[in-house]
């Protein structure tokens, strides 16, 4: 990757599931050291985009480069090595339910390194300290609140000191306090560890408050991109509706149907 190349460069991305087109010629740049948000309504392919970046899915057309490497041209071993440099915070947290907090965070370290247990212990406690849960190391996942589970998952995501973390709807289902903690953690860890963060979310206020750059996607296209301030000044009525949570606008309240009066008068069928 050259000095001016983005860490993640997506060009002319096309991807479909069956007859449904998810991405139709998308271009996205993820700059190193920043928090870049991918926003849009549910069902627009935000999580799918993370899977494409991680090489779990293959595009129908176009390219995705991560740190100068075209993801979908890598051999299995090369892709495995690249993935070790990516952290992932799943929407569900995805903690291993049969082992405690300490062992959940230690799992990727034990899996990918040959470090002695004494050093693994120091690393795990360091990561748990960073998310404020060093005292919870002996708890089982079933004993954690939703917010605590998400923070343990974040500690696990940074266990191998990745260059990049992908967050899949990190604020979903969180109470206001837990959400505030996660917002602060994502911003502070990104800056303190020199990370690059890709934040997929439709929680507008929380995401905009910590993002350096935002892409808004809908119907397979990037409909707007820019800094949070620029997005909030967008002339697009669709973007305005999404960012302000308006019930009606370019995305109508009513699902497409025949005229209401005509529907009432036809009778017989549904």
C-alpha atoms as a PDB file:
ATOM      1  CA  UNK A   1       0.000   0.000   0.000  1.00  0.00           C
ATOM      2  CA  UNK A   2       1.427   3.395  -0.964  1.00  0.00           C
ATOM      3  CA  UNK A   3       1.392   6.326   1.417  1.00  0.00           C
ATOM      4  CA  UNK A   4      -1.717   7.847  -0.174  1.00  0.00           C
ATOM      5  CA  UNK A   5      -3.649   4.635  -0.849  1.00  0.00           C
ATOM      6  CA  UNK A   6      -6.661   3.952   1.400  1.00  0.00           C
ATOM      7  CA  UNK A   7      -6.370   0.905   3.642  1.00  0.00           C
ATOM      8  CA  UNK A   8      -9.505  -0.537   2.011  1.00  0.00           C
ATOM      9  CA  UNK A   9     -10.267   0.369  -1.603  1.00  0.00           C
ATOM     10  CA  UNK A  10     -13.499  -0.874  -3.184  1.00  0.00           C
ATOM     11  CA  UNK A  11     -14.074  -0.270  -6.876  1.00  0.00           C
ATOM     12  CA  UNK A  12     -17.109  -0.992  -9.072  1.00  0.00           C
ATOM     13  CA  UNK A  13     -18.442  -3.581  -6.630  1.00  0.00           C
ATOM     14  CA  UNK A  14     -21.319  -5.698  -7.904  1.00  0.00           C
ATOM     15  CA  UNK A  15     -22.938  -8.417  -5.813  1.00  0.00           C
ATOM     16  CA  UNK A  16     -26.295 -10.181  -6.047  1.00  0.00           C
ATOM     17  CA  UNK A  17     -28.191 -12.851  -4.147  1.00  0.00           C
ATOM     18  CA  UNK A  18     -30.333 -14.684  -6.652  1.00  0.00           C
ATOM     19  CA  UNK A  19     -32.223 -12.062  -8.646  1.00  0.00           C
ATOM     20  CA  UNK A  20     -31.740  -9.399  -5.971  1.00  0.00           C
ATOM     21  CA  UNK A  21     -28.924  -6.943  -6.629  1.00  0.00           C
ATOM     22  CA  UNK A  22     -27.245  -5.935  -3.363  1.00  0.00           C
ATOM     23  CA  UNK A  23     -24.453  -3.733  -4.798  1.00  0.00           C
ATOM     24  CA  UNK A  24     -24.515  -2.117  -8.190  1.00  0.00           C
ATOM     25  CA  UNK A  25     -21.187  -0.446  -8.931  1.00  0.00           C
ATOM     26  CA  UNK A  26     -20.148   0.744  -5.465  1.00  0.00           C
ATOM     27  CA  UNK A  27     -16.897   2.675  -4.838  1.00  0.00           C
ATOM     28  CA  UNK A  28     -15.728   3.113  -1.225  1.00  0.00           C
ATOM     29  CA  UNK A  29     -12.414   4.218   0.339  1.00  0.00           C
ATOM     30  CA  UNK A  30     -11.580   3.419   3.974  1.00  0.00           C
ATOM     31  CA  UNK A  31      -8.726   5.650   5.094  1.00  0.00           C
ATOM     32  CA  UNK A  32      -6.211   4.343   7.645  1.00  0.00           C
ATOM     33  CA  UNK A  33      -6.519   5.626  11.205  1.00  0.00           C
ATOM     34  CA  UNK A  34     -10.108   6.808  10.843  1.00  0.00           C
ATOM     35  CA  UNK A  35     -13.561   5.588  11.790  1.00  0.00           C
ATOM     36  CA  UNK A  36     -15.580   5.176   8.622  1.00  0.00           C
ATOM     37  CA  UNK A  37     -19.289   4.458   8.952  1.00  0.00           C
ATOM     38  CA  UNK A  38     -21.399   2.546   6.454  1.00  0.00           C
ATOM     39  CA  UNK A  39     -25.009   3.563   7.035  1.00  0.00           C
ATOM     40  CA  UNK A  40     -28.340   2.843   5.456  1.00  0.00           C
ATOM     41  CA  UNK A  41     -31.719   1.201   6.138  1.00  0.00           C
ATOM     42  CA  UNK A  42     -32.006  -2.422   7.176  1.00  0.00           C
ATOM     43  CA  UNK A  43     -31.554  -4.839   4.308  1.00  0.00           C
ATOM     44  CA  UNK A  44     -29.253  -2.642   2.211  1.00  0.00           C
ATOM     45  CA  UNK A  45     -26.277  -4.989   2.448  1.00  0.00           C
ATOM     46  CA  UNK A  46     -24.170  -3.377   5.159  1.00  0.00           C
ATOM     47  CA  UNK A  47     -23.241  -6.673   6.839  1.00  0.00           C
ATOM     48  CA  UNK A  48     -22.770  -8.254   3.409  1.00  0.00           C
ATOM     49  CA  UNK A  49     -20.180  -5.573   2.673  1.00  0.00           C
ATOM     50  CA  UNK A  50     -18.151  -6.618   5.736  1.00  0.00           C
ATOM     51  CA  UNK A  51     -18.240 -10.242   4.559  1.00  0.00           C
ATOM     52  CA  UNK A  52     -17.006  -9.177   1.132  1.00  0.00           C
ATOM     53  CA  UNK A  53     -14.132  -7.199   2.691  1.00  0.00           C
ATOM     54  CA  UNK A  54     -13.193 -10.209   4.839  1.00  0.00           C
ATOM     55  CA  UNK A  55     -13.290 -12.590   1.889  1.00  0.00           C
ATOM     56  CA  UNK A  56     -16.210 -14.661   3.167  1.00  0.00           C
ATOM     57  CA  UNK A  57     -18.150 -13.736   0.027  1.00  0.00           C
ATOM     58  CA  UNK A  58     -16.909 -13.102  -3.506  1.00  0.00           C
ATOM     59  CA  UNK A  59     -18.096 -10.161  -5.623  1.00  0.00           C
ATOM     60  CA  UNK A  60     -19.774 -10.812  -8.956  1.00  0.00           C
ATOM     61  CA  UNK A  61     -17.689  -7.995 -10.416  1.00  0.00           C
ATOM     62  CA  UNK A  62     -15.254  -5.341  -9.221  1.00  0.00           C
ATOM     63  CA  UNK A  63     -12.386  -5.411  -6.739  1.00  0.00           C
ATOM     64  CA  UNK A  64     -11.693  -5.046  -3.025  1.00  0.00           C
ATOM     65  CA  UNK A  65      -8.144  -4.237  -1.932  1.00  0.00           C
ATOM     66  CA  UNK A  66      -7.116  -4.398   1.741  1.00  0.00           C
ATOM     67  CA  UNK A  67      -3.669  -3.046   2.595  1.00  0.00           C
ATOM     68  CA  UNK A  68      -2.728  -3.272  -1.076  1.00  0.00           C
ATOM     69  CA  UNK A  69      -3.865  -6.894  -1.520  1.00  0.00           C
ATOM     70  CA  UNK A  70      -6.829  -7.831  -3.704  1.00  0.00           C
ATOM     71  CA  UNK A  71      -8.796  -9.958  -1.272  1.00  0.00           C
ATOM     72  CA  UNK A  72     -10.458 -12.304  -3.739  1.00  0.00           C
ATOM     73  CA  UNK A  73      -7.262 -13.168  -5.610  1.00  0.00           C
ATOM     74  CA  UNK A  74      -5.452 -14.339  -2.475  1.00  0.00           C
ATOM     75  CA  UNK A  75      -4.676 -17.986  -1.932  1.00  0.00           C
ATOM     76  CA  UNK A  76      -6.142 -19.622   1.164  1.00  0.00           C
ATOM     77  CA  UNK A  77      -3.014 -19.176   3.293  1.00  0.00           C
ATOM     78  CA  UNK A  78      -2.631 -15.526   2.255  1.00  0.00           C
ATOM     79  CA  UNK A  79      -6.280 -14.779   3.047  1.00  0.00           C
ATOM     80  CA  UNK A  80      -5.915 -16.488   6.436  1.00  0.00           C
ATOM     81  CA  UNK A  81      -2.877 -14.302   7.211  1.00  0.00           C
ATOM     82  CA  UNK A  82      -4.751 -11.151   6.183  1.00  0.00           C
ATOM     83  CA  UNK A  83      -7.768 -12.049   8.309  1.00  0.00           C
ATOM     84  CA  UNK A  84      -5.533 -12.339  11.388  1.00  0.00           C
ATOM     85  CA  UNK A  85      -4.902  -8.607  10.965  1.00  0.00           C
ATOM     86  CA  UNK A  86      -8.623  -7.832  11.013  1.00  0.00           C
ATOM     87  CA  UNK A  87     -10.718  -7.748  14.163  1.00  0.00           C
ATOM     88  CA  UNK A  88     -14.468  -8.313  13.996  1.00  0.00           C
ATOM     89  CA  UNK A  89     -17.161  -7.338  16.472  1.00  0.00           C
ATOM     90  CA  UNK A  90     -20.227  -9.363  15.534  1.00  0.00           C
ATOM     91  CA  UNK A  91     -23.729  -8.011  16.059  1.00  0.00           C
ATOM     92  CA  UNK A  92     -24.485 -10.806  18.551  1.00  0.00           C
ATOM     93  CA  UNK A  93     -21.088 -10.586  20.267  1.00  0.00           C
ATOM     94  CA  UNK A  94     -20.599 -14.283  19.367  1.00  0.00           C
ATOM     95  CA  UNK A  95     -18.866 -15.199  22.622  1.00  0.00           C
ATOM     96  CA  UNK A  96     -18.098 -18.874  23.190  1.00  0.00           C
ATOM     97  CA  UNK A  97     -20.705 -19.820  25.778  1.00  0.00           C
ATOM     98  CA  UNK A  98     -18.870 -22.713  27.466  1.00  0.00           C
ATOM     99  CA  UNK A  99     -15.745 -20.800  28.510  1.00  0.00           C
ATOM    100  CA  UNK A 100     -15.318 -17.768  30.743  1.00  0.00           C
ATOM    101  CA  UNK A 101     -14.477 -14.176  29.830  1.00  0.00           C
ATOM    102  CA  UNK A 102     -10.727 -14.649  30.238  1.00  0.00           C
ATOM    103  CA  UNK A 103     -10.630 -17.673  27.952  1.00  0.00           C
ATOM    104  CA  UNK A 104     -12.846 -15.981  25.352  1.00  0.00           C
ATOM    105  CA  UNK A 105     -10.323 -13.159  25.019  1.00  0.00           C
ATOM    106  CA  UNK A 106      -7.382 -15.575  25.175  1.00  0.00           C
ATOM    107  CA  UNK A 107      -8.841 -17.822  22.471  1.00  0.00           C
ATOM    108  CA  UNK A 108      -7.493 -15.988  19.371  1.00  0.00           C
ATOM    109  CA  UNK A 109      -4.090 -15.520  21.025  1.00  0.00           C
ATOM    110  CA  UNK A 110      -3.807 -19.222  21.787  1.00  0.00           C
ATOM    111  CA  UNK A 111      -5.112 -20.110  18.325  1.00  0.00           C
ATOM    112  CA  UNK A 112      -2.727 -17.931  16.338  1.00  0.00           C
ATOM    113  CA  UNK A 113       0.427 -17.683  18.471  1.00  0.00           C
ATOM    114  CA  UNK A 114       2.739 -19.914  20.500  1.00  0.00           C
ATOM    115  CA  UNK A 115       3.120 -17.490  23.387  1.00  0.00           C
ATOM    116  CA  UNK A 116       3.558 -18.887  26.907  1.00  0.00           C
ATOM    117  CA  UNK A 117       0.538 -18.777  29.209  1.00  0.00           C
ATOM    118  CA  UNK A 118       2.230 -16.229  31.486  1.00  0.00           C
ATOM    119  CA  UNK A 119       2.446 -13.731  28.613  1.00  0.00           C
ATOM    120  CA  UNK A 120      -1.061 -14.584  27.391  1.00  0.00           C
ATOM    121  CA  UNK A 121      -2.331 -13.740  30.866  1.00  0.00           C
ATOM    122  CA  UNK A 122      -0.702 -10.287  30.716  1.00  0.00           C
ATOM    123  CA  UNK A 123      -2.145  -9.636  27.253  1.00  0.00           C
ATOM    124  CA  UNK A 124      -5.670 -10.730  28.194  1.00  0.00           C
ATOM    125  CA  UNK A 125      -5.703  -8.612  31.339  1.00  0.00           C
ATOM    126  CA  UNK A 126      -4.444  -5.661  29.311  1.00  0.00           C
ATOM    127  CA  UNK A 127      -7.288  -6.014  26.788  1.00  0.00           C
ATOM    128  CA  UNK A 128      -9.898  -6.458  29.508  1.00  0.00           C
ATOM    129  CA  UNK A 129      -8.532  -3.428  31.344  1.00  0.00           C
ATOM    130  CA  UNK A 130      -8.936  -1.409  28.137  1.00  0.00           C
ATOM    131  CA  UNK A 131     -12.669  -2.173  28.058  1.00  0.00           C
ATOM    132  CA  UNK A 132     -13.137  -1.823  31.801  1.00  0.00           C
ATOM    133  CA  UNK A 133     -13.837  -5.502  32.549  1.00  0.00           C
ATOM    134  CA  UNK A 134     -10.648  -6.892  34.090  1.00  0.00           C
ATOM    135  CA  UNK A 135     -12.679  -7.694  37.228  1.00  0.00           C
ATOM    136  CA  UNK A 136     -15.134  -9.781  35.193  1.00  0.00           C
ATOM    137  CA  UNK A 137     -12.513 -12.194  33.832  1.00  0.00           C
ATOM    138  CA  UNK A 138     -13.893 -15.257  35.677  1.00  0.00           C
ATOM    139  CA  UNK A 139     -17.540 -14.707  34.717  1.00  0.00           C
ATOM    140  CA  UNK A 140     -19.301 -16.894  32.171  1.00  0.00           C
ATOM    141  CA  UNK A 141     -21.015 -15.264  29.156  1.00  0.00           C
ATOM    142  CA  UNK A 142     -24.428 -16.154  30.640  1.00  0.00           C
ATOM    143  CA  UNK A 143     -23.575 -13.971  33.657  1.00  0.00           C
ATOM    144  CA  UNK A 144     -22.894 -10.864  31.558  1.00  0.00           C
ATOM    145  CA  UNK A 145     -25.294  -8.089  30.656  1.00  0.00           C
ATOM    146  CA  UNK A 146     -25.721  -7.329  26.960  1.00  0.00           C
ATOM    147  CA  UNK A 147     -23.409  -4.323  27.206  1.00  0.00           C
ATOM    148  CA  UNK A 148     -20.742  -6.261  29.083  1.00  0.00           C
ATOM    149  CA  UNK A 149     -20.858  -9.084  26.516  1.00  0.00           C
ATOM    150  CA  UNK A 150     -20.327  -6.589  23.712  1.00  0.00           C
ATOM    151  CA  UNK A 151     -17.323  -5.111  25.556  1.00  0.00           C
ATOM    152  CA  UNK A 152     -15.790  -8.576  26.086  1.00  0.00           C
ATOM    153  CA  UNK A 153     -16.264  -9.203  22.373  1.00  0.00           C
ATOM    154  CA  UNK A 154     -14.445  -5.931  21.707  1.00  0.00           C
ATOM    155  CA  UNK A 155     -11.555  -7.021  23.957  1.00  0.00           C
ATOM    156  CA  UNK A 156     -11.361 -10.255  21.959  1.00  0.00           C
ATOM    157  CA  UNK A 157     -11.442  -8.299  18.680  1.00  0.00           C
ATOM    158  CA  UNK A 158      -8.321  -6.341  19.700  1.00  0.00           C
ATOM    159  CA  UNK A 159      -6.542  -9.350  21.231  1.00  0.00           C
ATOM    160  CA  UNK A 160      -4.120  -9.760  18.306  1.00  0.00           C
ATOM    161  CA  UNK A 161      -3.543  -6.009  17.853  1.00  0.00           C
ATOM    162  CA  UNK A 162      -5.229  -5.872  14.436  1.00  0.00           C
ATOM    163  CA  UNK A 163      -4.718  -3.079  11.921  1.00  0.00           C
ATOM    164  CA  UNK A 164      -8.475  -2.817  11.420  1.00  0.00           C
ATOM    165  CA  UNK A 165     -11.708  -3.655  13.231  1.00  0.00           C
ATOM    166  CA  UNK A 166     -15.086  -4.137  11.583  1.00  0.00           C
ATOM    167  CA  UNK A 167     -18.123  -3.429  13.779  1.00  0.00           C
ATOM    168  CA  UNK A 168     -21.429  -5.009  12.749  1.00  0.00           C
ATOM    169  CA  UNK A 169     -24.289  -3.038  14.359  1.00  0.00           C
ATOM    170  CA  UNK A 170     -22.473  -2.636  17.710  1.00  0.00           C
ATOM    171  CA  UNK A 171     -25.231  -0.537  19.311  1.00  0.00           C
ATOM    172  CA  UNK A 172     -28.184  -2.835  18.582  1.00  0.00           C
ATOM    173  CA  UNK A 173     -30.143  -3.787  21.709  1.00  0.00           C
ATOM    174  CA  UNK A 174     -28.053  -1.669  24.093  1.00  0.00           C
ATOM    175  CA  UNK A 175     -29.483   0.479  26.871  1.00  0.00           C
ATOM    176  CA  UNK A 176     -28.464   4.177  26.854  1.00  0.00           C
ATOM    177  CA  UNK A 177     -25.619   3.724  29.356  1.00  0.00           C
ATOM    178  CA  UNK A 178     -24.152   0.687  27.590  1.00  0.00           C
ATOM    179  CA  UNK A 179     -24.483   2.458  24.264  1.00  0.00           C
ATOM    180  CA  UNK A 180     -22.642   5.495  25.627  1.00  0.00           C
ATOM    181  CA  UNK A 181     -19.849   3.264  26.936  1.00  0.00           C
ATOM    182  CA  UNK A 182     -19.491   1.516  23.553  1.00  0.00           C
ATOM    183  CA  UNK A 183     -19.452   4.813  21.667  1.00  0.00           C
ATOM    184  CA  UNK A 184     -16.663   6.128  23.884  1.00  0.00           C
ATOM    185  CA  UNK A 185     -14.703   2.848  23.701  1.00  0.00           C
ATOM    186  CA  UNK A 186     -14.803   2.632  19.919  1.00  0.00           C
ATOM    187  CA  UNK A 187     -13.515   6.180  19.525  1.00  0.00           C
ATOM    188  CA  UNK A 188     -10.878   5.995  22.262  1.00  0.00           C
ATOM    189  CA  UNK A 189      -9.527   2.570  21.229  1.00  0.00           C
ATOM    190  CA  UNK A 190      -9.360   3.599  17.573  1.00  0.00           C
ATOM    191  CA  UNK A 191      -7.266   6.638  18.492  1.00  0.00           C
ATOM    192  CA  UNK A 192      -5.137   5.073  21.236  1.00  0.00           C
ATOM    193  CA  UNK A 193      -4.243   1.938  19.257  1.00  0.00           C
ATOM    194  CA  UNK A 194      -3.938   3.598  15.862  1.00  0.00           C
ATOM    195  CA  UNK A 195      -6.695   1.395  14.446  1.00  0.00           C
ATOM    196  CA  UNK A 196      -8.824   1.739  11.356  1.00  0.00           C
ATOM    197  CA  UNK A 197     -12.490   1.109  12.119  1.00  0.00           C
ATOM    198  CA  UNK A 198     -15.371   0.260   9.792  1.00  0.00           C
ATOM    199  CA  UNK A 199     -18.639   0.838  11.608  1.00  0.00           C
ATOM    200  CA  UNK A 200     -21.808  -0.605  10.094  1.00  0.00           C
ATOM    201  CA  UNK A 201     -24.912   0.813  11.721  1.00  0.00           C
ATOM    202  CA  UNK A 202     -28.285   2.454  11.298  1.00  0.00           C
ATOM    203  CA  UNK A 203     -28.087   4.158  14.713  1.00  0.00           C
ATOM    204  CA  UNK A 204     -27.673   7.636  13.291  1.00  0.00           C
ATOM    205  CA  UNK A 205     -26.853   9.864  16.262  1.00  0.00           C
ATOM    206  CA  UNK A 206     -24.359   7.530  17.939  1.00  0.00           C
ATOM    207  CA  UNK A 207     -22.592   6.635  14.702  1.00  0.00           C
ATOM    208  CA  UNK A 208     -22.341  10.209  13.440  1.00  0.00           C
ATOM    209  CA  UNK A 209     -20.949  11.373  16.805  1.00  0.00           C
ATOM    210  CA  UNK A 210     -17.760   9.269  16.498  1.00  0.00           C
ATOM    211  CA  UNK A 211     -17.285   8.820  12.743  1.00  0.00           C
ATOM    212  CA  UNK A 212     -14.716  10.694  10.701  1.00  0.00           C
ATOM    213  CA  UNK A 213     -16.401   9.836   7.407  1.00  0.00           C
ATOM    214  CA  UNK A 214     -19.768   8.367   6.436  1.00  0.00           C
ATOM    215  CA  UNK A 215     -21.055   6.450   3.419  1.00  0.00           C
ATOM    216  CA  UNK A 216     -24.832   6.218   3.080  1.00  0.00           C
ATOM    217  CA  UNK A 217     -25.955   3.341   0.868  1.00  0.00           C
ATOM    218  CA  UNK A 218     -29.359   2.395  -0.514  1.00  0.00           C
ATOM    219  CA  UNK A 219     -30.633   0.180  -3.329  1.00  0.00           C
ATOM    220  CA  UNK A 220     -27.156  -0.959  -4.261  1.00  0.00           C
ATOM    221  CA  UNK A 221     -25.651   2.525  -4.603  1.00  0.00           C
ATOM    222  CA  UNK A 222     -23.711   5.028  -2.518  1.00  0.00           C
ATOM    223  CA  UNK A 223     -26.252   7.855  -2.282  1.00  0.00           C
ATOM    224  CA  UNK A 224     -24.038  10.224  -0.283  1.00  0.00           C
ATOM    225  CA  UNK A 225     -20.643  10.310   1.388  1.00  0.00           C
ATOM    226  CA  UNK A 226     -18.665  12.845   3.377  1.00  0.00           C
ATOM    227  CA  UNK A 227     -17.909  14.002   6.891  1.00  0.00           C
ATOM    228  CA  UNK A 228     -20.786  13.878   9.402  1.00  0.00           C
ATOM    229  CA  UNK A 229     -21.143  17.653   9.046  1.00  0.00           C
ATOM    230  CA  UNK A 230     -21.355  17.399   5.255  1.00  0.00           C
ATOM    231  CA  UNK A 231     -23.891  14.566   5.446  1.00  0.00           C
ATOM    232  CA  UNK A 232     -26.098  16.620   7.754  1.00  0.00           C
ATOM    233  CA  UNK A 233     -26.023  19.470   5.215  1.00  0.00           C
ATOM    234  CA  UNK A 234     -26.869  17.172   2.298  1.00  0.00           C
ATOM    235  CA  UNK A 235     -29.417  18.487  -0.201  1.00  0.00           C
ATOM    236  CA  UNK A 236     -30.655  14.931  -0.818  1.00  0.00           C
ATOM    237  CA  UNK A 237     -34.187  14.473   0.511  1.00  0.00           C
ATOM    238  CA  UNK A 238     -33.542  10.739   0.889  1.00  0.00           C
ATOM    239  CA  UNK A 239     -30.463  11.378   3.077  1.00  0.00           C
ATOM    240  CA  UNK A 240     -32.370  13.983   5.075  1.00  0.00           C
ATOM    241  CA  UNK A 241     -35.183  11.503   5.687  1.00  0.00           C
ATOM    242  CA  UNK A 242     -32.777   8.789   6.822  1.00  0.00           C
ATOM    243  CA  UNK A 243     -30.584  10.966   9.041  1.00  0.00           C
ATOM    244  CA  UNK A 244     -33.563  12.650  10.722  1.00  0.00           C
ATOM    245  CA  UNK A 245     -35.709   9.520  10.959  1.00  0.00           C
ATOM    246  CA  UNK A 246     -38.669  11.055   9.128  1.00  0.00           C
ATOM    247  CA  UNK A 247     -41.614   8.647   8.659  1.00  0.00           C
ATOM    248  CA  UNK A 248     -42.401   9.742   5.100  1.00  0.00           C
ATOM    249  CA  UNK A 249     -40.474  11.132   2.163  1.00  0.00           C
ATOM    250  CA  UNK A 250     -38.629   9.549  -0.772  1.00  0.00           C
ATOM    251  CA  UNK A 251     -39.035   6.288   1.166  1.00  0.00           C
ATOM    252  CA  UNK A 252     -42.859   6.316   1.443  1.00  0.00           C
ATOM    253  CA  UNK A 253     -44.849   5.269   4.494  1.00  0.00           C
ATOM    254  CA  UNK A 254     -47.239   3.193   2.353  1.00  0.00           C
ATOM    255  CA  UNK A 255     -46.087   0.084   0.533  1.00  0.00           C
ATOM    256  CA  UNK A 256     -46.856   0.301  -3.181  1.00  0.00           C
ATOM    257  CA  UNK A 257     -50.501  -0.633  -3.877  1.00  0.00           C
ATOM    258  CA  UNK A 258     -53.428   0.141  -6.156  1.00  0.00           C
ATOM    259  CA  UNK A 259     -55.583   3.164  -5.362  1.00  0.00           C
ATOM    260  CA  UNK A 260     -57.287   2.728  -1.977  1.00  0.00           C
ATOM    261  CA  UNK A 261     -60.801   3.590  -3.182  1.00  0.00           C
ATOM    262  CA  UNK A 262     -60.450   1.263  -6.145  1.00  0.00           C
ATOM    263  CA  UNK A 263     -59.201  -1.500  -3.854  1.00  0.00           C
ATOM    264  CA  UNK A 264     -62.282  -1.109  -1.608  1.00  0.00           C
ATOM    265  CA  UNK A 265     -64.707  -1.165  -4.529  1.00  0.00           C
ATOM    266  CA  UNK A 266     -63.315  -4.137  -6.427  1.00  0.00           C
ATOM    267  CA  UNK A 267     -64.397  -6.670  -3.763  1.00  0.00           C
ATOM    268  CA  UNK A 268     -64.057 -10.417  -4.098  1.00  0.00           C
ATOM    269  CA  UNK A 269     -60.342 -10.989  -3.911  1.00  0.00           C
ATOM    270  CA  UNK A 270     -57.806  -9.806  -1.360  1.00  0.00           C
END
